[in-house]
Amino acid sequence: MNLSRQLQDYRLTTAEILYHLPDHPDLLQTFIWQDLDLAPRFPALRRFLDFWHREIEGRLHSVRVASARLITPAEIRHTGHRLTLQ
């Protein structure tokens, strides 16, 4: 993954796309899409969904999106115990 994009606040975005099978519209199938994208507008995901709508026969049912930063501030925890080894 591209570090410069991560520093520009791109986040790892995962979309679970539920769609109707073209030959059996009563059945649903799942497709997982994952890429770096900018929250909350998600331009890369929107481009992909526009492509899907134009080029793929399976009609979309729903899309669930999860997004997480890959570069975060370090977590510092202080322990309540101190051990000494001799």
N, C-alpha and C. Protein backbone atom coordinates (compact mmCIF):
# COMPACT_ATOMS: atom_id res chain seq x y z
N MET A 1 0.84 -1.18 0.00
CA MET A 1 0.00 0.00 0.00
C MET A 1 0.89 1.24 0.00
N ASN A 2 0.42 2.27 -0.62
CA ASN A 2 1.19 3.47 -0.84
C ASN A 2 1.21 4.35 0.42
N LEU A 3 2.42 4.55 1.00
CA LEU A 3 2.55 5.32 2.24
C LEU A 3 2.13 6.76 2.07
N SER A 4 2.45 7.38 0.93
CA SER A 4 2.08 8.78 0.74
C SER A 4 0.57 8.96 0.73
N ARG A 5 -0.16 8.01 0.17
CA ARG A 5 -1.63 8.10 0.19
C ARG A 5 -2.16 7.93 1.60
N GLN A 6 -1.54 7.05 2.38
CA GLN A 6 -1.98 6.84 3.76
C GLN A 6 -1.76 8.11 4.58
N LEU A 7 -0.68 8.82 4.31
CA LEU A 7 -0.41 10.07 5.02
C LEU A 7 -1.38 11.18 4.63
N GLN A 8 -2.02 11.04 3.48
CA GLN A 8 -3.03 12.01 3.03
C GLN A 8 -4.43 11.63 3.53
N ASP A 9 -4.49 10.76 4.52
CA ASP A 9 -5.72 10.32 5.18
C ASP A 9 -6.55 9.36 4.35
N TYR A 10 -5.92 8.68 3.39
CA TYR A 10 -6.61 7.57 2.74
C TYR A 10 -6.73 6.45 3.76
N ARG A 11 -7.83 5.73 3.71
CA ARG A 11 -8.09 4.66 4.67
C ARG A 11 -8.36 3.36 3.93
N LEU A 12 -8.05 2.26 4.59
CA LEU A 12 -8.39 0.98 4.02
C LEU A 12 -9.90 0.83 4.10
N THR A 13 -10.53 0.71 2.96
CA THR A 13 -11.99 0.66 2.89
C THR A 13 -12.41 -0.69 2.33
N THR A 14 -13.34 -1.31 3.01
CA THR A 14 -13.89 -2.59 2.58
C THR A 14 -15.39 -2.43 2.39
N ALA A 15 -15.89 -2.90 1.25
CA ALA A 15 -17.32 -2.84 0.97
C ALA A 15 -17.83 -4.26 0.72
N GLU A 16 -18.89 -4.61 1.42
CA GLU A 16 -19.58 -5.87 1.17
C GLU A 16 -20.77 -5.54 0.28
N ILE A 17 -20.72 -6.02 -0.94
CA ILE A 17 -21.75 -5.71 -1.94
C ILE A 17 -22.65 -6.93 -2.09
N LEU A 18 -23.91 -6.73 -1.83
CA LEU A 18 -24.91 -7.79 -1.98
C LEU A 18 -25.70 -7.47 -3.25
N TYR A 19 -25.75 -8.45 -4.18
CA TYR A 19 -26.42 -8.19 -5.45
C TYR A 19 -27.28 -9.39 -5.87
N HIS A 20 -28.23 -9.11 -6.74
CA HIS A 20 -29.13 -10.14 -7.27
C HIS A 20 -28.43 -10.86 -8.42
N LEU A 21 -28.51 -12.18 -8.44
CA LEU A 21 -27.95 -12.94 -9.55
C LEU A 21 -28.77 -12.65 -10.81
N PRO A 22 -28.12 -12.38 -11.95
CA PRO A 22 -28.86 -12.03 -13.17
C PRO A 22 -29.83 -13.12 -13.63
N ASP A 23 -29.41 -14.39 -13.56
CA ASP A 23 -30.28 -15.47 -14.04
C ASP A 23 -31.33 -15.90 -13.02
N HIS A 24 -31.11 -15.58 -11.75
CA HIS A 24 -32.03 -15.95 -10.66
C HIS A 24 -32.18 -14.74 -9.74
N PRO A 25 -32.99 -13.77 -10.11
CA PRO A 25 -33.07 -12.51 -9.36
C PRO A 25 -33.53 -12.64 -7.91
N ASP A 26 -34.12 -13.77 -7.55
CA ASP A 26 -34.54 -13.96 -6.16
C ASP A 26 -33.38 -14.37 -5.26
N LEU A 27 -32.24 -14.77 -5.86
CA LEU A 27 -31.07 -15.17 -5.10
C LEU A 27 -30.07 -14.02 -5.00
N LEU A 28 -29.43 -13.93 -3.84
CA LEU A 28 -28.44 -12.88 -3.62
C LEU A 28 -27.04 -13.49 -3.54
N GLN A 29 -26.05 -12.73 -4.01
CA GLN A 29 -24.65 -13.14 -3.97
C GLN A 29 -23.86 -12.00 -3.32
N THR A 30 -22.73 -12.34 -2.69
CA THR A 30 -21.89 -11.34 -2.03
C THR A 30 -20.60 -11.15 -2.81
N PHE A 31 -20.17 -9.90 -2.91
CA PHE A 31 -18.89 -9.54 -3.51
C PHE A 31 -18.18 -8.62 -2.53
N ILE A 32 -16.89 -8.85 -2.27
CA ILE A 32 -16.12 -8.00 -1.35
C ILE A 32 -15.16 -7.15 -2.17
N TRP A 33 -15.21 -5.84 -1.96
CA TRP A 33 -14.32 -4.88 -2.62
C TRP A 33 -13.46 -4.23 -1.55
N GLN A 34 -12.15 -4.06 -1.84
CA GLN A 34 -11.27 -3.44 -0.85
C GLN A 34 -10.21 -2.61 -1.57
N ASP A 35 -9.99 -1.38 -1.07
CA ASP A 35 -8.99 -0.48 -1.65
C ASP A 35 -8.77 0.67 -0.68
N LEU A 36 -7.74 1.48 -0.95
CA LEU A 36 -7.55 2.71 -0.19
C LEU A 36 -8.52 3.75 -0.73
N ASP A 37 -9.21 4.47 0.18
CA ASP A 37 -10.20 5.44 -0.24
C ASP A 37 -10.30 6.54 0.81
N LEU A 38 -10.90 7.65 0.42
CA LEU A 38 -11.06 8.80 1.32
C LEU A 38 -12.46 8.81 1.93
N ALA A 39 -12.52 8.68 3.26
CA ALA A 39 -13.80 8.76 3.96
C ALA A 39 -14.11 10.24 4.20
N PRO A 40 -15.32 10.68 4.24
CA PRO A 40 -16.58 9.93 4.18
C PRO A 40 -17.20 9.88 2.78
N ARG A 41 -16.56 10.50 1.78
CA ARG A 41 -17.16 10.53 0.43
C ARG A 41 -16.89 9.27 -0.38
N PHE A 42 -15.80 8.58 -0.13
CA PHE A 42 -15.44 7.33 -0.79
C PHE A 42 -15.49 7.43 -2.32
N PRO A 43 -14.66 8.29 -2.93
CA PRO A 43 -14.71 8.45 -4.39
C PRO A 43 -14.34 7.19 -5.16
N ALA A 44 -13.37 6.41 -4.71
CA ALA A 44 -12.99 5.19 -5.43
C ALA A 44 -14.13 4.17 -5.39
N LEU A 45 -14.77 4.02 -4.26
CA LEU A 45 -15.90 3.10 -4.15
C LEU A 45 -17.05 3.56 -5.03
N ARG A 46 -17.31 4.85 -5.05
CA ARG A 46 -18.39 5.37 -5.90
C ARG A 46 -18.11 5.11 -7.37
N ARG A 47 -16.84 5.28 -7.80
CA ARG A 47 -16.48 4.99 -9.19
C ARG A 47 -16.72 3.51 -9.50
N PHE A 48 -16.33 2.64 -8.55
CA PHE A 48 -16.55 1.21 -8.76
C PHE A 48 -18.04 0.89 -8.85
N LEU A 49 -18.84 1.46 -7.97
CA LEU A 49 -20.29 1.19 -8.00
C LEU A 49 -20.93 1.75 -9.27
N ASP A 50 -20.43 2.90 -9.77
CA ASP A 50 -20.93 3.42 -11.05
C ASP A 50 -20.59 2.46 -12.19
N PHE A 51 -19.35 1.93 -12.17
CA PHE A 51 -18.95 0.93 -13.15
C PHE A 51 -19.87 -0.29 -13.07
N TRP A 52 -20.12 -0.75 -11.84
CA TRP A 52 -20.98 -1.93 -11.63
C TRP A 52 -22.36 -1.67 -12.25
N HIS A 53 -22.91 -0.52 -11.97
CA HIS A 53 -24.25 -0.19 -12.45
C HIS A 53 -24.30 -0.16 -13.99
N ARG A 54 -23.23 0.36 -14.62
CA ARG A 54 -23.17 0.46 -16.08
C ARG A 54 -22.88 -0.87 -16.77
N GLU A 55 -21.95 -1.65 -16.22
CA GLU A 55 -21.37 -2.77 -16.96
C GLU A 55 -21.79 -4.17 -16.49
N ILE A 56 -22.28 -4.32 -15.28
CA ILE A 56 -22.55 -5.64 -14.72
C ILE A 56 -24.06 -5.84 -14.60
N GLU A 57 -24.51 -7.03 -14.98
CA GLU A 57 -25.95 -7.30 -15.03
C GLU A 57 -26.59 -7.47 -13.66
N GLY A 58 -25.82 -7.86 -12.65
CA GLY A 58 -26.40 -8.11 -11.33
C GLY A 58 -26.83 -6.81 -10.66
N ARG A 59 -28.13 -6.68 -10.40
CA ARG A 59 -28.68 -5.46 -9.77
C ARG A 59 -28.27 -5.41 -8.30
N LEU A 60 -27.80 -4.26 -7.86
CA LEU A 60 -27.35 -4.11 -6.47
C LEU A 60 -28.52 -4.19 -5.50
N HIS A 61 -28.30 -4.88 -4.40
CA HIS A 61 -29.28 -4.96 -3.33
C HIS A 61 -28.87 -4.03 -2.20
N SER A 62 -27.62 -4.16 -1.72
CA SER A 62 -27.14 -3.30 -0.63
C SER A 62 -25.62 -3.30 -0.62
N VAL A 63 -25.07 -2.27 0.03
CA VAL A 63 -23.62 -2.13 0.18
C VAL A 63 -23.34 -1.73 1.62
N ARG A 64 -22.49 -2.51 2.30
CA ARG A 64 -22.03 -2.17 3.65
C ARG A 64 -20.58 -1.77 3.56
N VAL A 65 -20.23 -0.65 4.21
CA VAL A 65 -18.87 -0.10 4.10
C VAL A 65 -18.24 -0.02 5.48
N ALA A 66 -16.97 -0.44 5.55
CA ALA A 66 -16.16 -0.29 6.76
C ALA A 66 -14.86 0.38 6.34
N SER A 67 -14.38 1.29 7.19
CA SER A 67 -13.17 2.03 6.86
C SER A 67 -12.33 2.19 8.12
N ALA A 68 -11.01 2.02 7.97
CA ALA A 68 -10.11 2.14 9.12
C ALA A 68 -8.81 2.80 8.69
N ARG A 69 -8.32 3.68 9.55
CA ARG A 69 -7.02 4.30 9.28
C ARG A 69 -5.93 3.25 9.46
N LEU A 70 -4.92 3.34 8.62
CA LEU A 70 -3.81 2.40 8.73
C LEU A 70 -2.67 2.99 9.55
N ILE A 71 -2.55 4.30 9.53
CA ILE A 71 -1.53 4.97 10.32
C ILE A 71 -2.24 5.73 11.43
N THR A 72 -1.99 5.33 12.67
CA THR A 72 -2.64 5.95 13.81
C THR A 72 -1.59 6.37 14.82
N PRO A 73 -1.93 7.27 15.72
CA PRO A 73 -0.98 7.63 16.77
C PRO A 73 -0.63 6.40 17.61
N ALA A 74 0.58 6.36 18.07
CA ALA A 74 1.01 5.23 18.89
C ALA A 74 0.20 5.19 20.19
N GLU A 75 -0.09 3.99 20.61
CA GLU A 75 -0.80 3.82 21.87
C GLU A 75 0.23 3.60 22.97
N ILE A 76 0.12 4.38 24.02
CA ILE A 76 1.04 4.25 25.15
C ILE A 76 0.22 3.82 26.36
N ARG A 77 0.67 2.73 26.98
CA ARG A 77 0.00 2.26 28.18
C ARG A 77 1.04 2.13 29.28
N HIS A 78 0.69 2.58 30.43
CA HIS A 78 1.57 2.43 31.59
C HIS A 78 1.12 1.19 32.36
N THR A 79 2.08 0.41 32.73
CA THR A 79 1.74 -0.80 33.49
C THR A 79 1.67 -0.47 34.97
N GLY A 80 0.92 -1.26 35.66
CA GLY A 80 0.79 -1.07 37.10
C GLY A 80 1.84 -1.81 37.91
N HIS A 81 2.70 -2.58 37.23
CA HIS A 81 3.69 -3.41 37.92
C HIS A 81 5.07 -3.17 37.33
N ARG A 82 6.05 -3.34 38.17
CA ARG A 82 7.43 -3.24 37.71
C ARG A 82 8.17 -4.48 38.18
N LEU A 83 8.78 -5.18 37.25
CA LEU A 83 9.52 -6.40 37.57
C LEU A 83 11.00 -6.15 37.37
N THR A 84 11.80 -6.67 38.26
CA THR A 84 13.26 -6.54 38.15
C THR A 84 13.87 -7.93 38.02
N LEU A 85 14.67 -8.10 37.00
CA LEU A 85 15.37 -9.37 36.80
C LEU A 85 16.82 -9.19 37.23
N GLN A 86 17.34 -10.17 37.98
CA GLN A 86 18.73 -10.06 38.43
C GLN A 86 19.62 -11.00 37.68
